[in-house]
PDB file of all heavy atoms in Angstrom:
ATOM      1  N   GLU A   1     180.081 209.398 -84.833  1.00  0.00           N
ATOM      2  CA  GLU A   1     180.629 208.564 -85.907  1.00  0.00           C
ATOM      3  C   GLU A   1     182.132 208.340 -85.721  1.00  0.00           C
ATOM      4  O   GLU A   1     182.636 207.235 -85.888  1.00  0.00           O
ATOM      5  CB  GLU A   1     180.364 209.263 -87.242  1.00  0.00           C
ATOM      6  CG  GLU A   1     180.772 208.490 -88.447  1.00  0.00           C
ATOM      7  CD  GLU A   1     180.495 209.277 -89.722  1.00  0.00           C
ATOM      8  OE1 GLU A   1     179.407 209.881 -89.836  1.00  0.00           O
ATOM      9  OE2 GLU A   1     181.384 209.283 -90.596  1.00  0.00           O
ATOM     10  N   ILE A   2     182.835 209.382 -85.339  1.00  0.00           N
ATOM     11  CA  ILE A   2     184.283 209.281 -85.116  1.00  0.00           C
ATOM     12  C   ILE A   2     184.569 208.406 -83.899  1.00  0.00           C
ATOM     13  O   ILE A   2     185.438 207.531 -83.932  1.00  0.00           O
ATOM     14  CB  ILE A   2     184.908 210.681 -84.941  1.00  0.00           C
ATOM     15  CG1 ILE A   2     184.827 211.465 -86.255  1.00  0.00           C
ATOM     16  CG2 ILE A   2     186.349 210.578 -84.464  1.00  0.00           C
ATOM     17  CD1 ILE A   2     185.175 212.947 -86.114  1.00  0.00           C
ATOM     18  N   ILE A   3     183.837 208.621 -82.829  1.00  0.00           N
ATOM     19  CA  ILE A   3     184.077 207.903 -81.572  1.00  0.00           C
ATOM     20  C   ILE A   3     183.730 206.421 -81.696  1.00  0.00           C
ATOM     21  O   ILE A   3     184.254 205.605 -80.947  1.00  0.00           O
ATOM     22  CB  ILE A   3     183.320 208.578 -80.409  1.00  0.00           C
ATOM     23  CG1 ILE A   3     184.025 209.877 -80.034  1.00  0.00           C
ATOM     24  CG2 ILE A   3     183.231 207.671 -79.189  1.00  0.00           C
ATOM     25  CD1 ILE A   3     183.373 210.644 -78.916  1.00  0.00           C
ATOM     26  N   GLU A   4     182.894 206.091 -82.638  1.00  0.00           N
ATOM     27  CA  GLU A   4     182.552 204.682 -82.861  1.00  0.00           C
ATOM     28  C   GLU A   4     183.814 203.840 -83.041  1.00  0.00           C
ATOM     29  O   GLU A   4     183.861 202.682 -82.639  1.00  0.00           O
ATOM     30  CB  GLU A   4     181.688 204.585 -84.130  1.00  0.00           C
ATOM     31  CG  GLU A   4     180.677 203.496 -84.110  1.00  0.00           C
ATOM     32  CD  GLU A   4     179.767 203.616 -85.311  1.00  0.00           C
ATOM     33  OE1 GLU A   4     180.115 203.020 -86.344  1.00  0.00           O
ATOM     34  OE2 GLU A   4     178.745 204.308 -85.205  1.00  0.00           O
ATOM     35  N   GLN A   5     184.844 204.425 -83.608  1.00  0.00           N
ATOM     36  CA  GLN A   5     186.113 203.724 -83.846  1.00  0.00           C
ATOM     37  C   GLN A   5     187.023 203.742 -82.614  1.00  0.00           C
ATOM     38  O   GLN A   5     188.016 203.042 -82.580  1.00  0.00           O
ATOM     39  CB  GLN A   5     186.858 204.385 -85.014  1.00  0.00           C
ATOM     40  CG  GLN A   5     186.057 204.555 -86.263  1.00  0.00           C
ATOM     41  CD  GLN A   5     185.574 203.252 -86.853  1.00  0.00           C
ATOM     42  OE1 GLN A   5     186.293 202.263 -86.859  1.00  0.00           O
ATOM     43  NE2 GLN A   5     184.350 203.242 -87.328  1.00  0.00           N
ATOM     44  N   ASP A   6     186.668 204.547 -81.631  1.00  0.00           N
ATOM     45  CA  ASP A   6     187.497 204.736 -80.438  1.00  0.00           C
ATOM     46  C   ASP A   6     187.341 203.550 -79.490  1.00  0.00           C
ATOM     47  O   ASP A   6     186.243 203.066 -79.261  1.00  0.00           O
ATOM     48  CB  ASP A   6     187.063 206.027 -79.741  1.00  0.00           C
ATOM     49  CG  ASP A   6     188.051 206.514 -78.696  1.00  0.00           C
ATOM     50  OD1 ASP A   6     189.040 205.812 -78.436  1.00  0.00           O
ATOM     51  OD2 ASP A   6     187.814 207.590 -78.141  1.00  0.00           O
ATOM     52  N   LYS A   7     188.436 203.119 -78.935  1.00  0.00           N
ATOM     53  CA  LYS A   7     188.393 202.016 -77.976  1.00  0.00           C
ATOM     54  C   LYS A   7     188.108 202.500 -76.552  1.00  0.00           C
ATOM     55  O   LYS A   7     187.831 201.713 -75.674  1.00  0.00           O
ATOM     56  CB  LYS A   7     189.731 201.263 -78.007  1.00  0.00           C
ATOM     57  CG  LYS A   7     189.970 200.505 -79.298  1.00  0.00           C
ATOM     58  CD  LYS A   7     191.331 199.834 -79.256  1.00  0.00           C
ATOM     59  CE  LYS A   7     191.632 198.953 -80.420  1.00  0.00           C
ATOM     60  NZ  LYS A   7     191.459 199.432 -81.732  1.00  0.00           N
ATOM     61  N   ASN A   8     188.170 203.795 -76.347  1.00  0.00           N
ATOM     62  CA  ASN A   8     187.981 204.369 -75.023  1.00  0.00           C
ATOM     63  C   ASN A   8     186.483 204.542 -74.743  1.00  0.00           C
ATOM     64  O   ASN A   8     185.834 205.437 -75.275  1.00  0.00           O
ATOM     65  CB  ASN A   8     188.708 205.713 -74.938  1.00  0.00           C
ATOM     66  CG  ASN A   8     188.693 206.298 -73.559  1.00  0.00           C
ATOM     67  OD1 ASN A   8     187.856 205.961 -72.733  1.00  0.00           O
ATOM     68  ND2 ASN A   8     189.626 207.192 -73.300  1.00  0.00           N
ATOM     69  N   SER A   9     185.961 203.700 -73.879  1.00  0.00           N
ATOM     70  CA  SER A   9     184.523 203.763 -73.579  1.00  0.00           C
ATOM     71  C   SER A   9     184.153 205.029 -72.805  1.00  0.00           C
ATOM     72  O   SER A   9     183.000 205.451 -72.830  1.00  0.00           O
ATOM     73  CB  SER A   9     184.086 202.518 -72.809  1.00  0.00           C
ATOM     74  OG  SER A   9     184.739 202.440 -71.570  1.00  0.00           O
ATOM     75  N   GLU A  10     185.119 205.648 -72.127  1.00  0.00           N
ATOM     76  CA  GLU A  10     184.846 206.896 -71.412  1.00  0.00           C
ATOM     77  C   GLU A  10     184.416 207.987 -72.383  1.00  0.00           C
ATOM     78  O   GLU A  10     183.509 208.766 -72.083  1.00  0.00           O
ATOM     79  CB  GLU A  10     186.080 207.353 -70.631  1.00  0.00           C
ATOM     80  CG  GLU A  10     186.357 206.517 -69.405  1.00  0.00           C
ATOM     81  CD  GLU A  10     187.594 207.002 -68.656  1.00  0.00           C
ATOM     82  OE1 GLU A  10     187.913 208.208 -68.724  1.00  0.00           O
ATOM     83  OE2 GLU A  10     188.225 206.169 -68.014  1.00  0.00           O
ATOM     84  N   ASN A  11     185.054 208.036 -73.541  1.00  0.00           N
ATOM     85  CA  ASN A  11     184.688 209.028 -74.548  1.00  0.00           C
ATOM     86  C   ASN A  11     183.267 208.782 -75.057  1.00  0.00           C
ATOM     87  O   ASN A  11     182.498 209.716 -75.237  1.00  0.00           O
ATOM     88  CB  ASN A  11     185.669 209.014 -75.714  1.00  0.00           C
ATOM     89  CG  ASN A  11     187.042 209.511 -75.321  1.00  0.00           C
ATOM     90  OD1 ASN A  11     187.198 210.228 -74.336  1.00  0.00           O
ATOM     91  ND2 ASN A  11     188.041 209.125 -76.076  1.00  0.00           N
ATOM     92  N   LYS A  12     182.944 207.535 -75.266  1.00  0.00           N
ATOM     93  CA  LYS A  12     181.592 207.185 -75.725  1.00  0.00           C
ATOM     94  C   LYS A  12     180.554 207.570 -74.675  1.00  0.00           C
ATOM     95  O   LYS A  12     179.506 208.125 -75.008  1.00  0.00           O
ATOM     96  CB  LYS A  12     181.499 205.691 -76.032  1.00  0.00           C
ATOM     97  CG  LYS A  12     182.307 205.279 -77.244  1.00  0.00           C
ATOM     98  CD  LYS A  12     182.245 203.779 -77.464  1.00  0.00           C
ATOM     99  CE  LYS A  12     183.178 203.394 -78.598  1.00  0.00           C
ATOM    100  NZ  LYS A  12     183.202 201.974 -78.855  1.00  0.00           N
ATOM    101  N   ASN A  13     180.853 207.280 -73.419  1.00  0.00           N
ATOM    102  CA  ASN A  13     179.923 207.617 -72.332  1.00  0.00           C
ATOM    103  C   ASN A  13     179.763 209.125 -72.172  1.00  0.00           C
ATOM    104  O   ASN A  13     178.658 209.617 -71.936  1.00  0.00           O
ATOM    105  CB  ASN A  13     180.385 206.988 -71.019  1.00  0.00           C
ATOM    106  CG  ASN A  13     180.263 205.486 -71.022  1.00  0.00           C
ATOM    107  OD1 ASN A  13     179.471 204.920 -71.758  1.00  0.00           O
ATOM    108  ND2 ASN A  13     181.066 204.830 -70.200  1.00  0.00           N
ATOM    109  N   GLU A  14     180.866 209.832 -72.306  1.00  0.00           N
ATOM    110  CA  GLU A  14     180.804 211.292 -72.180  1.00  0.00           C
ATOM    111  C   GLU A  14     179.944 211.889 -73.295  1.00  0.00           C
ATOM    112  O   GLU A  14     179.101 212.757 -73.048  1.00  0.00           O
ATOM    113  CB  GLU A  14     182.203 211.887 -72.226  1.00  0.00           C
ATOM    114  CG  GLU A  14     182.214 213.373 -72.008  1.00  0.00           C
ATOM    115  CD  GLU A  14     183.615 213.961 -71.978  1.00  0.00           C
ATOM    116  OE1 GLU A  14     184.598 213.233 -71.777  1.00  0.00           O
ATOM    117  OE2 GLU A  14     183.692 215.191 -72.163  1.00  0.00           O
ATOM    118  N   LEU A  15     180.145 211.412 -74.515  1.00  0.00           N
ATOM    119  CA  LEU A  15     179.344 211.922 -75.628  1.00  0.00           C
ATOM    120  C   LEU A  15     177.873 211.588 -75.441  1.00  0.00           C
ATOM    121  O   LEU A  15     177.001 212.423 -75.693  1.00  0.00           O
ATOM    122  CB  LEU A  15     179.844 211.375 -76.967  1.00  0.00           C
ATOM    123  CG  LEU A  15     179.071 211.891 -78.183  1.00  0.00           C
ATOM    124  CD1 LEU A  15     179.177 213.405 -78.293  1.00  0.00           C
ATOM    125  CD2 LEU A  15     179.552 211.211 -79.448  1.00  0.00           C
ATOM    126  N   LYS A  16     177.605 210.396 -74.955  1.00  0.00           N
ATOM    127  CA  LYS A  16     176.216 209.997 -74.715  1.00  0.00           C
ATOM    128  C   LYS A  16     175.560 210.947 -73.710  1.00  0.00           C
ATOM    129  O   LYS A  16     174.413 211.362 -73.895  1.00  0.00           O
ATOM    130  CB  LYS A  16     176.176 208.558 -74.194  1.00  0.00           C
ATOM    131  CG  LYS A  16     174.792 208.028 -73.976  1.00  0.00           C
ATOM    132  CD  LYS A  16     174.831 206.586 -73.487  1.00  0.00           C
ATOM    133  CE  LYS A  16     173.430 206.091 -73.203  1.00  0.00           C
ATOM    134  NZ  LYS A  16     173.421 204.733 -72.680  1.00  0.00           N
ATOM    135  N   LYS A  17     176.285 211.303 -72.671  1.00  0.00           N
ATOM    136  CA  LYS A  17     175.767 212.228 -71.657  1.00  0.00           C
ATOM    137  C   LYS A  17     175.437 213.583 -72.275  1.00  0.00           C
ATOM    138  O   LYS A  17     174.357 214.146 -72.043  1.00  0.00           O
ATOM    139  CB  LYS A  17     176.791 212.383 -70.532  1.00  0.00           C
ATOM    140  CG  LYS A  17     176.381 213.347 -69.439  1.00  0.00           C
ATOM    141  CD  LYS A  17     177.476 213.514 -68.415  1.00  0.00           C
ATOM    142  CE  LYS A  17     178.514 214.459 -68.972  1.00  0.00           C
ATOM    143  NZ  LYS A  17     179.498 214.919 -68.039  1.00  0.00           N
ATOM    144  N   HIS A  18     176.343 214.105 -73.102  1.00  0.00           N
ATOM    145  CA  HIS A  18     176.113 215.405 -73.736  1.00  0.00           C
ATOM    146  C   HIS A  18     174.966 215.336 -74.745  1.00  0.00           C
ATOM    147  O   HIS A  18     174.179 216.285 -74.859  1.00  0.00           O
ATOM    148  CB  HIS A  18     177.379 215.908 -74.408  1.00  0.00           C
ATOM    149  CG  HIS A  18     178.514 216.111 -73.465  1.00  0.00           C
ATOM    150  ND1 HIS A  18     178.394 216.815 -72.281  1.00  0.00           N
ATOM    151  CD2 HIS A  18     179.791 215.674 -73.504  1.00  0.00           C
ATOM    152  CE1 HIS A  18     179.546 216.816 -71.644  1.00  0.00           C
ATOM    153  NE2 HIS A  18     180.410 216.124 -72.368  1.00  0.00           N
ATOM    154  N   LYS A  19     174.874 214.228 -75.423  1.00  0.00           N
ATOM    155  CA  LYS A  19     173.790 214.048 -76.403  1.00  0.00           C
ATOM    156  C   LYS A  19     172.432 214.044 -75.694  1.00  0.00           C
ATOM    157  O   LYS A  19     171.478 214.662 -76.161  1.00  0.00           O
ATOM    158  CB  LYS A  19     174.006 212.742 -77.162  1.00  0.00           C
ATOM    159  CG  LYS A  19     173.040 212.517 -78.285  1.00  0.00           C
ATOM    160  CD  LYS A  19     173.374 211.237 -79.044  1.00  0.00           C
ATOM    161  CE  LYS A  19     172.402 211.002 -80.169  1.00  0.00           C
ATOM    162  NZ  LYS A  19     172.733 209.797 -80.940  1.00  0.00           N
ATOM    163  N   GLU A  20     172.350 213.371 -74.579  1.00  0.00           N
ATOM    164  CA  GLU A  20     171.097 213.332 -73.809  1.00  0.00           C
ATOM    165  C   GLU A  20     170.738 214.714 -73.267  1.00  0.00           C
ATOM    166  O   GLU A  20     169.585 215.125 -73.330  1.00  0.00           O
ATOM    167  CB  GLU A  20     171.200 212.324 -72.671  1.00  0.00           C
ATOM    168  CG  GLU A  20     171.148 210.889 -73.125  1.00  0.00           C
ATOM    169  CD  GLU A  20     171.302 209.895 -71.981  1.00  0.00           C
ATOM    170  OE1 GLU A  20     171.098 210.270 -70.808  1.00  0.00           O
ATOM    171  OE2 GLU A  20     171.637 208.737 -72.278  1.00  0.00           O
ATOM    172  N   THR A  21     171.713 215.413 -72.748  1.00  0.00           N
ATOM    173  CA  THR A  21     171.468 216.758 -72.229  1.00  0.00           C
ATOM    174  C   THR A  21     170.958 217.667 -73.349  1.00  0.00           C
ATOM    175  O   THR A  21     169.996 218.427 -73.160  1.00  0.00           O
ATOM    176  CB  THR A  21     172.753 217.350 -71.619  1.00  0.00           C
ATOM    177  OG1 THR A  21     173.224 216.481 -70.591  1.00  0.00           O
ATOM    178  CG2 THR A  21     172.514 218.738 -71.046  1.00  0.00           C
ATOM    179  N   TYR A  22     171.578 217.572 -74.516  1.00  0.00           N
ATOM    180  CA  TYR A  22     171.153 218.377 -75.662  1.00  0.00           C
ATOM    181  C   TYR A  22     169.728 218.012 -76.076  1.00  0.00           C
ATOM    182  O   TYR A  22     168.913 218.888 -76.368  1.00  0.00           O
ATOM    183  CB  TYR A  22     172.132 218.184 -76.815  1.00  0.00           C
ATOM    184  CG  TYR A  22     171.850 219.071 -77.998  1.00  0.00           C
ATOM    185  CD1 TYR A  22     172.018 220.448 -77.905  1.00  0.00           C
ATOM    186  CD2 TYR A  22     171.436 218.539 -79.208  1.00  0.00           C
ATOM    187  CE1 TYR A  22     171.761 221.273 -78.992  1.00  0.00           C
ATOM    188  CE2 TYR A  22     171.174 219.348 -80.295  1.00  0.00           C
ATOM    189  CZ  TYR A  22     171.348 220.711 -80.186  1.00  0.00           C
ATOM    190  OH  TYR A  22     171.090 221.523 -81.258  1.00  0.00           O
ATOM    191  N   LYS A  23     169.428 216.721 -76.056  1.00  0.00           N
ATOM    192  CA  LYS A  23     168.083 216.257 -76.417  1.00  0.00           C
ATOM    193  C   LYS A  23     167.036 216.851 -75.471  1.00  0.00           C
ATOM    194  O   LYS A  23     166.005 217.356 -75.919  1.00  0.00           O
ATOM    195  CB  LYS A  23     168.025 214.729 -76.369  1.00  0.00           C
ATOM    196  CG  LYS A  23     166.683 214.154 -76.770  1.00  0.00           C
ATOM    197  CD  LYS A  23     166.686 212.654 -76.627  1.00  0.00           C
ATOM    198  CE  LYS A  23     165.994 212.310 -75.341  1.00  0.00           C
ATOM    199  NZ  LYS A  23     165.792 210.929 -75.070  1.00  0.00           N
ATOM    200  N   TYR A  24     167.309 216.828 -74.178  1.00  0.00           N
ATOM    201  CA  TYR A  24     166.370 217.380 -73.208  1.00  0.00           C
ATOM    202  C   TYR A  24     166.228 218.887 -73.367  1.00  0.00           C
ATOM    203  O   TYR A  24     165.137 219.431 -73.243  1.00  0.00           O
ATOM    204  CB  TYR A  24     166.765 217.023 -71.778  1.00  0.00           C
ATOM    205  CG  TYR A  24     166.608 215.565 -71.471  1.00  0.00           C
ATOM    206  CD1 TYR A  24     167.650 214.820 -70.945  1.00  0.00           C
ATOM    207  CD2 TYR A  24     165.404 214.908 -71.715  1.00  0.00           C
ATOM    208  CE1 TYR A  24     167.502 213.469 -70.665  1.00  0.00           C
ATOM    209  CE2 TYR A  24     165.250 213.562 -71.446  1.00  0.00           C
ATOM    210  CZ  TYR A  24     166.310 212.847 -70.916  1.00  0.00           C
ATOM    211  OH  TYR A  24     166.157 211.515 -70.653  1.00  0.00           O
ATOM    212  N   MET A  25     167.325 219.544 -73.667  1.00  0.00           N
ATOM    213  CA  MET A  25     167.272 220.980 -73.882  1.00  0.00           C
ATOM    214  C   MET A  25     166.366 221.302 -75.077  1.00  0.00           C
ATOM    215  O   MET A  25     165.545 222.225 -75.023  1.00  0.00           O
ATOM    216  CB  MET A  25     168.678 221.523 -74.127  1.00  0.00           C
ATOM    217  CG  MET A  25     168.738 223.032 -74.182  1.00  0.00           C
ATOM    218  SD  MET A  25     170.391 223.658 -74.588  1.00  0.00           S
ATOM    219  CE  MET A  25     170.406 223.375 -76.351  1.00  0.00           C
ATOM    220  N   LEU A  26     166.488 220.518 -76.130  1.00  0.00           N
ATOM    221  CA  LEU A  26     165.640 220.726 -77.312  1.00  0.00           C
ATOM    222  C   LEU A  26     164.173 220.419 -77.021  1.00  0.00           C
ATOM    223  O   LEU A  26     163.278 221.098 -77.532  1.00  0.00           O
ATOM    224  CB  LEU A  26     166.120 219.861 -78.480  1.00  0.00           C
ATOM    225  CG  LEU A  26     167.444 220.271 -79.114  1.00  0.00           C
ATOM    226  CD1 LEU A  26     167.796 219.304 -80.240  1.00  0.00           C
ATOM    227  CD2 LEU A  26     167.397 221.694 -79.620  1.00  0.00           C
ATOM    228  N   GLU A  27     163.933 219.413 -76.193  1.00  0.00           N
ATOM    229  CA  GLU A  27     162.548 219.089 -75.816  1.00  0.00           C
ATOM    230  C   GLU A  27     161.900 220.252 -75.074  1.00  0.00           C
ATOM    231  O   GLU A  27     160.759 220.617 -75.360  1.00  0.00           O
ATOM    232  CB  GLU A  27     162.501 217.823 -74.960  1.00  0.00           C
ATOM    233  CG  GLU A  27     162.644 216.549 -75.752  1.00  0.00           C
ATOM    234  CD  GLU A  27     162.580 215.312 -74.878  1.00  0.00           C
ATOM    235  OE1 GLU A  27     161.974 215.344 -73.788  1.00  0.00           O
ATOM    236  OE2 GLU A  27     163.166 214.287 -75.290  1.00  0.00           O
ATOM    237  N   TYR A  28     162.615 220.821 -74.117  1.00  0.00           N
ATOM    238  CA  TYR A  28     162.086 221.982 -73.391  1.00  0.00           C
ATOM    239  C   TYR A  28     161.817 223.125 -74.358  1.00  0.00           C
ATOM    240  O   TYR A  28     160.791 223.793 -74.284  1.00  0.00           O
ATOM    241  CB  TYR A  28     163.056 222.456 -72.308  1.00  0.00           C
ATOM    242  CG  TYR A  28     163.098 221.586 -71.074  1.00  0.00           C
ATOM    243  CD1 TYR A  28     164.297 221.072 -70.606  1.00  0.00           C
ATOM    244  CD2 TYR A  28     161.945 221.295 -70.366  1.00  0.00           C
ATOM    245  CE1 TYR A  28     164.340 220.280 -69.468  1.00  0.00           C
ATOM    246  CE2 TYR A  28     161.979 220.509 -69.226  1.00  0.00           C
ATOM    247  CZ  TYR A  28     163.180 220.003 -68.791  1.00  0.00           C
ATOM    248  OH  TYR A  28     163.221 219.230 -67.673  1.00  0.00           O
ATOM    249  N   TYR A  29     162.756 223.334 -75.245  1.00  0.00           N
ATOM    250  CA  TYR A  29     162.625 224.427 -76.212  1.00  0.00           C
ATOM    251  C   TYR A  29     161.400 224.218 -77.109  1.00  0.00           C
ATOM    252  O   TYR A  29     160.639 225.149 -77.357  1.00  0.00           O
ATOM    253  CB  TYR A  29     163.897 224.531 -77.053  1.00  0.00           C
ATOM    254  CG  TYR A  29     163.869 225.634 -78.066  1.00  0.00           C
ATOM    255  CD1 TYR A  29     164.001 226.965 -77.661  1.00  0.00           C
ATOM    256  CD2 TYR A  29     163.704 225.364 -79.415  1.00  0.00           C
ATOM    257  CE1 TYR A  29     163.973 227.993 -78.583  1.00  0.00           C
ATOM    258  CE2 TYR A  29     163.667 226.392 -80.338  1.00  0.00           C
ATOM    259  CZ  TYR A  29     163.808 227.701 -79.923  1.00  0.00           C
ATOM    260  OH  TYR A  29     163.767 228.720 -80.840  1.00  0.00           O
ATOM    261  N   SER A  30     161.208 223.006 -77.589  1.00  0.00           N
ATOM    262  CA  SER A  30     160.091 222.722 -78.498  1.00  0.00           C
ATOM    263  C   SER A  30     158.735 222.848 -77.803  1.00  0.00           C
ATOM    264  O   SER A  30     157.722 223.062 -78.451  1.00  0.00           O
ATOM    265  CB  SER A  30     160.230 221.337 -79.122  1.00  0.00           C
ATOM    266  OG  SER A  30     160.039 220.336 -78.154  1.00  0.00           O
ATOM    267  N   GLN A  31     158.716 222.721 -76.482  1.00  0.00           N
ATOM    268  CA  GLN A  31     157.475 222.840 -75.711  1.00  0.00           C
ATOM    269  C   GLN A  31     157.267 224.263 -75.194  1.00  0.00           C
ATOM    270  O   GLN A  31     156.345 224.513 -74.411  1.00  0.00           O
ATOM    271  CB  GLN A  31     157.489 221.866 -74.531  1.00  0.00           C
ATOM    272  CG  GLN A  31     157.562 220.430 -74.933  1.00  0.00           C
ATOM    273  CD  GLN A  31     157.860 219.517 -73.755  1.00  0.00           C
ATOM    274  OE1 GLN A  31     158.010 219.954 -72.622  1.00  0.00           O
ATOM    275  NE2 GLN A  31     157.962 218.228 -74.032  1.00  0.00           N
ATOM    276  N   ASP A  32     158.115 225.167 -75.626  1.00  0.00           N
ATOM    277  CA  ASP A  32     158.072 226.555 -75.155  1.00  0.00           C
ATOM    278  C   ASP A  32     158.138 226.653 -73.632  1.00  0.00           C
ATOM    279  O   ASP A  32     157.547 227.546 -73.028  1.00  0.00           O
ATOM    280  CB  ASP A  32     156.825 227.282 -75.669  1.00  0.00           C
ATOM    281  CG  ASP A  32     156.947 227.649 -77.133  1.00  0.00           C
ATOM    282  OD1 ASP A  32     158.085 227.809 -77.601  1.00  0.00           O
ATOM    283  OD2 ASP A  32     155.899 227.785 -77.794  1.00  0.00           O
ATOM    284  N   THR A  33     158.844 225.712 -73.032  1.00  0.00           N
ATOM    285  CA  THR A  33     159.026 225.730 -71.587  1.00  0.00           C
ATOM    286  C   THR A  33     160.126 226.733 -71.246  1.00  0.00           C
ATOM    287  O   THR A  33     161.214 226.672 -71.812  1.00  0.00           O
ATOM    288  CB  THR A  33     159.439 224.328 -71.078  1.00  0.00           C
ATOM    289  OG1 THR A  33     158.464 223.391 -71.496  1.00  0.00           O
ATOM    290  CG2 THR A  33     159.578 224.304 -69.580  1.00  0.00           C
ATOM    291  N   PRO A  34     159.849 227.657 -70.345  1.00  0.00           N
ATOM    292  CA  PRO A  34     160.889 228.617 -69.960  1.00  0.00           C
ATOM    293  C   PRO A  34     162.100 227.884 -69.366  1.00  0.00           C
ATOM    294  O   PRO A  34     161.947 227.003 -68.522  1.00  0.00           O
ATOM    295  CB  PRO A  34     160.218 229.489 -68.897  1.00  0.00           C
ATOM    296  CG  PRO A  34     158.757 229.250 -69.045  1.00  0.00           C
ATOM    297  CD  PRO A  34     158.600 227.884 -69.637  1.00  0.00           C
ATOM    298  N   ASP A  35     163.249 228.238 -69.844  1.00  0.00           N
ATOM    299  CA  ASP A  35     164.467 227.602 -69.366  1.00  0.00           C
ATOM    300  C   ASP A  35     165.545 228.679 -69.239  1.00  0.00           C
ATOM    301  O   ASP A  35     166.281 228.933 -70.193  1.00  0.00           O
ATOM    302  CB  ASP A  35     164.903 226.504 -70.338  1.00  0.00           C
ATOM    303  CG  ASP A  35     166.086 225.704 -69.829  1.00  0.00           C
ATOM    304  OD1 ASP A  35     166.596 226.004 -68.730  1.00  0.00           O
ATOM    305  OD2 ASP A  35     166.512 224.776 -70.540  1.00  0.00           O
ATOM    306  N   PRO A  36     165.632 229.297 -68.071  1.00  0.00           N
ATOM    307  CA  PRO A  36     166.604 230.377 -67.899  1.00  0.00           C
ATOM    308  C   PRO A  36     168.055 229.899 -67.998  1.00  0.00           C
ATOM    309  O   PRO A  36     168.951 230.699 -68.204  1.00  0.00           O
ATOM    310  CB  PRO A  36     166.299 230.919 -66.501  1.00  0.00           C
ATOM    311  CG  PRO A  36     165.552 229.845 -65.814  1.00  0.00           C
ATOM    312  CD  PRO A  36     164.853 229.048 -66.870  1.00  0.00           C
ATOM    313  N   GLN A  37     168.264 228.599 -67.903  1.00  0.00           N
ATOM    314  CA  GLN A  37     169.618 228.050 -67.970  1.00  0.00           C
ATOM    315  C   GLN A  37     170.005 227.581 -69.376  1.00  0.00           C
ATOM    316  O   GLN A  37     171.089 227.057 -69.576  1.00  0.00           O
ATOM    317  CB  GLN A  37     169.739 226.866 -66.999  1.00  0.00           C
ATOM    318  CG  GLN A  37     169.560 227.246 -65.554  1.00  0.00           C
ATOM    319  CD  GLN A  37     170.668 228.152 -65.069  1.00  0.00           C
ATOM    320  OE1 GLN A  37     171.834 227.907 -65.315  1.00  0.00           O
ATOM    321  NE2 GLN A  37     170.290 229.222 -64.389  1.00  0.00           N
ATOM    322  N   ARG A  38     169.110 227.757 -70.348  1.00  0.00           N
ATOM    323  CA  ARG A  38     169.331 227.216 -71.700  1.00  0.00           C
ATOM    324  C   ARG A  38     170.675 227.654 -72.287  1.00  0.00           C
ATOM    325  O   ARG A  38     171.441 226.820 -72.782  1.00  0.00           O
ATOM    326  CB  ARG A  38     168.202 227.603 -72.632  1.00  0.00           C
ATOM    327  CG  ARG A  38     168.377 227.027 -74.034  1.00  0.00           C
ATOM    328  CD  ARG A  38     167.271 227.417 -74.987  1.00  0.00           C
ATOM    329  NE  ARG A  38     166.008 226.934 -74.485  1.00  0.00           N
ATOM    330  CZ  ARG A  38     164.876 227.642 -74.509  1.00  0.00           C
ATOM    331  NH1 ARG A  38     164.867 228.844 -75.019  1.00  0.00           N
ATOM    332  NH2 ARG A  38     163.767 227.143 -74.031  1.00  0.00           N
ATOM    333  N   GLU A  39     170.957 228.934 -72.242  1.00  0.00           N
ATOM    334  CA  GLU A  39     172.200 229.424 -72.841  1.00  0.00           C
ATOM    335  C   GLU A  39     173.425 228.852 -72.125  1.00  0.00           C
ATOM    336  O   GLU A  39     174.406 228.467 -72.762  1.00  0.00           O
ATOM    337  CB  GLU A  39     172.243 230.948 -72.816  1.00  0.00           C
ATOM    338  CG  GLU A  39     173.410 231.517 -73.577  1.00  0.00           C
ATOM    339  CD  GLU A  39     173.386 233.033 -73.660  1.00  0.00           C
ATOM    340  OE1 GLU A  39     172.322 233.638 -73.458  1.00  0.00           O
ATOM    341  OE2 GLU A  39     174.455 233.600 -73.923  1.00  0.00           O
ATOM    342  N   LYS A  40     173.345 228.778 -70.813  1.00  0.00           N
ATOM    343  CA  LYS A  40     174.452 228.224 -70.036  1.00  0.00           C
ATOM    344  C   LYS A  40     174.663 226.745 -70.383  1.00  0.00           C
ATOM    345  O   LYS A  40     175.799 226.299 -70.566  1.00  0.00           O
ATOM    346  CB  LYS A  40     174.171 228.373 -68.539  1.00  0.00           C
ATOM    347  CG  LYS A  40     175.269 227.850 -67.664  1.00  0.00           C
ATOM    348  CD  LYS A  40     174.923 228.011 -66.203  1.00  0.00           C
ATOM    349  CE  LYS A  40     176.018 227.399 -65.350  1.00  0.00           C
ATOM    350  NZ  LYS A  40     175.684 227.432 -63.933  1.00  0.00           N
ATOM    351  N   ILE A  41     173.579 225.994 -70.481  1.00  0.00           N
ATOM    352  CA  ILE A  41     173.672 224.569 -70.825  1.00  0.00           C
ATOM    353  C   ILE A  41     174.234 224.405 -72.232  1.00  0.00           C
ATOM    354  O   ILE A  41     175.114 223.571 -72.468  1.00  0.00           O
ATOM    355  CB  ILE A  41     172.295 223.882 -70.692  1.00  0.00           C
ATOM    356  CG1 ILE A  41     171.867 223.850 -69.221  1.00  0.00           C
ATOM    357  CG2 ILE A  41     172.313 222.475 -71.273  1.00  0.00           C
ATOM    358  CD1 ILE A  41     170.414 223.464 -69.002  1.00  0.00           C
ATOM    359  N   TYR A  42     173.733 225.208 -73.161  1.00  0.00           N
ATOM    360  CA  TYR A  42     174.208 225.160 -74.546  1.00  0.00           C
ATOM    361  C   TYR A  42     175.715 225.398 -74.596  1.00  0.00           C
ATOM    362  O   TYR A  42     176.457 224.646 -75.242  1.00  0.00           O
ATOM    363  CB  TYR A  42     173.461 226.210 -75.373  1.00  0.00           C
ATOM    364  CG  TYR A  42     173.796 226.185 -76.837  1.00  0.00           C
ATOM    365  CD1 TYR A  42     173.033 225.447 -77.730  1.00  0.00           C
ATOM    366  CD2 TYR A  42     174.872 226.907 -77.347  1.00  0.00           C
ATOM    367  CE1 TYR A  42     173.332 225.422 -79.078  1.00  0.00           C
ATOM    368  CE2 TYR A  42     175.181 226.880 -78.687  1.00  0.00           C
ATOM    369  CZ  TYR A  42     174.411 226.144 -79.555  1.00  0.00           C
ATOM    370  OH  TYR A  42     174.726 226.114 -80.880  1.00  0.00           O
TER     371      TYR A  42
END
């Protein structure tokens, strides 16, 4: 919401990348898929 006002597209792209990574991490978690890197990624 804050970055929406930002003119720097790099910030928007960076947040999008982190949001996607978080989404995938949650998907693995919800499927009870073992993820030894979960804490490191978090």
